[in-house]
Protein backbone atom coordinates (compact mmCIF):
# COMPACT_ATOMS: atom_id res chain seq x y z
CA MET A 1 19.92 8.68 -49.77
CA HIS A 2 18.84 5.24 -51.40
CA PRO A 3 17.64 5.89 -55.04
CA SER A 4 14.30 4.15 -54.64
CA PRO A 5 12.88 2.87 -58.30
CA ALA A 6 9.83 5.23 -57.39
CA PHE A 7 12.52 8.07 -58.38
CA ARG A 8 13.80 6.34 -61.48
CA SER A 9 12.90 8.05 -64.50
CA GLN A 10 13.35 6.93 -68.32
CA ASP A 11 12.50 10.55 -69.53
CA HIS A 12 15.67 10.97 -71.55
CA ALA A 13 14.86 14.37 -72.75
CA LEU A 14 14.59 15.67 -69.30
CA MET A 15 18.23 14.09 -68.32
CA LEU A 16 19.59 15.92 -71.53
CA SER A 17 17.93 19.21 -70.66
CA LEU A 18 19.28 18.86 -66.94
CA ILE A 19 22.80 18.79 -68.47
CA ASP A 20 22.18 21.82 -70.66
CA GLU A 21 20.59 23.93 -68.23
CA ILE A 22 23.15 23.17 -65.61
CA GLY A 23 26.29 22.77 -67.42
CA PHE A 24 28.42 21.98 -64.55
CA GLY A 25 29.06 18.70 -62.68
CA MET A 26 31.82 16.70 -61.34
CA VAL A 27 33.70 13.72 -62.57
CA PHE A 28 34.79 11.00 -60.30
CA ALA A 29 37.34 8.18 -60.90
CA ALA A 30 39.59 5.77 -59.42
CA THR A 31 43.34 6.82 -59.69
CA PRO A 32 46.54 4.89 -58.10
CA ASP A 33 46.50 7.87 -55.32
CA GLY A 34 42.95 6.91 -54.54
CA PRO A 35 39.41 8.29 -55.42
CA ARG A 36 39.61 11.68 -57.17
CA VAL A 37 36.85 14.07 -58.05
CA ALA A 38 37.02 17.31 -60.15
CA HIS A 39 34.41 19.94 -60.66
CA VAL A 40 34.16 20.75 -64.21
CA PRO A 41 31.89 22.66 -66.86
CA LEU A 42 30.19 19.86 -68.93
CA LEU A 43 29.07 20.17 -72.59
CA ARG A 44 26.64 17.52 -74.15
CA VAL A 45 27.95 16.33 -77.51
CA GLY A 46 24.73 14.55 -79.37
CA ASP A 47 22.61 12.53 -76.81
CA GLY A 48 25.45 10.22 -75.90
CA ALA A 49 28.68 11.86 -74.73
CA LEU A 50 30.01 14.61 -72.62
CA HIS A 51 33.16 16.83 -73.10
CA PHE A 52 34.94 18.38 -70.23
CA HIS A 53 38.49 19.91 -69.42
CA LEU A 54 40.77 20.11 -66.90
CA ALA A 55 43.85 21.96 -65.72
CA ARG A 56 46.84 19.91 -66.94
CA GLY A 57 48.00 19.71 -63.13
CA ASN A 58 44.63 18.07 -61.81
CA ALA A 59 45.08 15.20 -59.90
CA LEU A 60 42.70 13.44 -62.15
CA THR A 61 44.19 14.68 -65.51
CA ARG A 62 47.21 11.92 -66.12
CA HIS A 63 44.74 9.05 -65.17
CA LEU A 64 41.79 9.72 -67.04
CA ASP A 65 42.39 8.41 -70.62
CA GLY A 66 40.88 4.96 -71.11
CA VAL A 67 39.51 4.66 -67.88
CA THR A 68 35.47 4.25 -66.85
CA ALA A 69 34.40 7.34 -64.91
CA LEU A 70 31.41 8.88 -63.45
CA ALA A 71 29.99 11.98 -63.89
CA VAL A 72 27.45 13.65 -61.84
CA ILE A 73 24.97 16.58 -62.27
CA ASN A 74 23.09 17.69 -59.35
CA GLY A 75 19.98 19.53 -60.00
CA PRO A 76 17.39 21.96 -57.76
CA ASP A 77 17.21 20.28 -54.22
CA GLY A 78 15.37 21.26 -50.97
CA TYR A 79 14.30 20.16 -47.73
CA VAL A 80 10.95 18.80 -47.14
CA ALA A 81 9.06 19.43 -43.87
CA PRO A 82 6.72 16.70 -42.49
CA ARG A 83 4.12 19.47 -41.85
CA TRP A 84 3.67 19.98 -45.38
CA TYR A 85 1.94 16.66 -46.07
CA GLY A 86 -0.83 17.85 -43.62
CA GLU A 87 -2.24 16.34 -40.69
CA ASP A 88 -0.71 13.13 -40.98
CA PRO A 89 1.41 12.42 -38.02
CA ASN A 90 3.49 9.55 -39.66
CA GLN A 91 5.44 11.67 -41.73
CA VAL A 92 8.97 12.26 -41.41
CA PRO A 93 11.57 14.90 -42.96
CA THR A 94 13.08 14.09 -46.51
CA TRP A 95 14.75 15.94 -48.91
CA ASN A 96 13.68 16.38 -52.79
CA TYR A 97 16.43 16.51 -55.21
CA LEU A 98 17.37 16.04 -59.11
CA ALA A 99 20.78 14.04 -59.62
CA LEU A 100 21.96 12.52 -62.78
CA GLU A 101 25.11 9.87 -63.00
CA MET A 102 26.61 9.13 -66.29
CA GLU A 103 29.00 6.07 -66.43
CA GLY A 104 31.53 5.82 -69.31
CA ARG A 105 34.93 5.37 -70.71
CA VAL A 106 36.81 8.56 -71.16
CA ARG A 107 39.24 9.61 -74.05
CA ARG A 108 41.75 12.25 -74.43
CA LEU A 109 40.89 14.91 -77.10
CA ASP A 110 43.02 16.32 -79.22
CA HIS A 111 43.93 19.94 -79.82
CA ASP A 112 41.03 20.48 -82.05
CA GLY A 113 38.67 18.67 -80.16
CA LEU A 114 39.66 20.93 -77.00
CA LEU A 115 39.09 24.24 -78.92
CA ALA A 116 35.96 23.50 -80.00
CA GLN A 117 35.01 22.46 -76.74
CA LEU A 118 35.91 25.54 -74.97
CA THR A 119 34.10 27.60 -77.89
CA ALA A 120 30.85 25.67 -77.64
CA VAL A 121 30.89 26.07 -73.66
CA SER A 122 31.59 30.07 -74.11
CA ALA A 123 28.58 30.31 -76.73
CA ARG A 124 26.42 28.11 -74.43
CA GLU A 125 27.08 30.51 -71.77
CA GLU A 126 27.30 33.66 -73.48
CA ALA A 127 23.80 33.30 -75.25
CA ARG A 128 22.35 33.31 -71.82
CA LEU A 129 23.94 36.78 -70.95
CA PRO A 130 22.84 40.16 -72.72
CA ALA A 131 24.80 40.90 -75.64
CA PRO A 132 27.44 41.68 -76.76
CA ALA A 133 28.75 37.76 -76.55
CA TRP A 134 32.21 37.12 -75.65
CA THR A 135 34.31 34.93 -77.96
CA LEU A 136 37.61 33.08 -78.14
CA ASP A 137 38.69 35.05 -81.07
CA LYS A 138 38.79 38.29 -78.97
CA ALA A 139 41.84 37.06 -77.20
CA SER A 140 45.10 37.18 -78.56
CA PRO A 141 46.44 33.89 -80.23
CA ASP A 142 49.13 33.79 -77.80
CA TYR A 143 47.02 33.88 -74.97
CA VAL A 144 44.70 31.32 -76.63
CA ASP A 145 47.89 29.01 -76.97
CA ARG A 146 48.93 29.34 -73.52
CA LEU A 147 45.81 28.45 -72.15
CA LEU A 148 45.33 25.50 -74.25
CA ALA A 149 48.95 24.38 -73.28
CA GLY A 150 47.43 24.34 -69.53
CA ILE A 151 44.39 22.10 -70.08
CA VAL A 152 43.36 19.00 -71.30
CA GLY A 153 40.18 18.09 -72.94
CA PHE A 154 38.43 14.84 -72.46
CA GLU A 155 35.18 13.10 -73.82
CA LEU A 156 33.31 10.61 -71.39
CA GLU A 157 30.90 8.28 -73.50
CA VAL A 158 28.04 7.58 -71.64
CA GLN A 159 27.16 4.02 -71.20
CA ALA A 160 25.25 4.21 -68.07
CA TRP A 161 22.44 6.63 -67.23
CA ARG A 162 21.33 6.85 -63.80
CA PRO A 163 19.02 9.58 -63.08
CA THR A 164 17.34 10.11 -59.57
CA PHE A 165 14.23 12.67 -59.51
CA LYS A 166 12.89 12.67 -56.18
CA LEU A 167 10.00 14.81 -56.28
CA SER A 168 7.34 13.08 -53.84
CA GLN A 169 5.97 10.95 -56.45
CA ASN A 170 5.07 8.42 -53.48
CA LYS A 171 2.95 10.79 -52.03
CA SER A 172 -0.63 11.59 -52.63
CA ALA A 173 -1.86 14.40 -54.94
CA ALA A 174 -2.80 16.65 -52.02
CA GLN A 175 0.44 15.93 -50.13
CA ARG A 176 2.57 16.78 -53.31
CA GLU A 177 0.50 20.30 -53.46
CA GLY A 178 1.35 20.86 -49.88
CA VAL A 179 4.91 20.16 -50.46
CA ILE A 180 5.04 22.49 -53.81
CA ALA A 181 3.16 25.20 -51.61
CA GLY A 182 6.06 24.82 -48.72
CA LEU A 183 8.84 25.06 -51.32
CA GLU A 184 7.20 28.26 -52.96
CA ALA A 185 6.98 29.87 -49.58
CA ARG A 186 10.60 29.13 -48.73
CA GLY A 187 11.79 30.17 -52.24
CA ALA A 188 12.75 26.99 -53.92
CA LEU A 189 11.06 27.89 -57.09
CA GLY A 190 12.96 25.71 -59.44
CA LEU A 191 12.12 22.52 -57.51
CA ALA A 192 8.31 23.51 -57.19
CA GLU A 193 8.03 23.73 -60.58
CA LEU A 194 9.54 20.74 -61.60
CA MET A 195 7.27 19.02 -58.96
CA ARG A 196 4.48 20.37 -60.95
CA GLY A 197 5.62 19.47 -64.02
CA LEU A 198 6.23 15.85 -63.06
CA ALA A 199 2.82 15.75 -61.55
């Protein structure tokens, strides 16, 4: 879908919260073998960098250090039925969605950076679960060493933020309420809540 300027946002706090809340995305890069993508947990470091890791054998691992790559996080999305706009016959189906593209230079992390990343990602996710929290120190040191030998950590320094928050901003307040009601009726509560928040 074409990201119209109407769906661009300069709400940097919303972009950062999308990274923190979803915590998983895709990293794309061109390689000598063609374009490749990896699906990875993403960790925000400050407000200008992302950390992620790949298996040592991943097709991207040997090509990422020093290149410009694209990281993408997809938020909630959902089909929008024309009837939700009301009686206007000149409406067509569409899709509402949140997506954040972040482009930047990638560098390889050292051992300590990778270990810090794994610790921080697991702490973030474990904090969302009932206690007791799992921590890396519960695994044996030998196992952790083998784990670290099989993966490579990276940092992407974000140089361009390209958010698309397509939430029916180009429709009237009444039409937006119709879309929210339709989304809620089909169980897309997260998307409906985001639409209410941006109204």
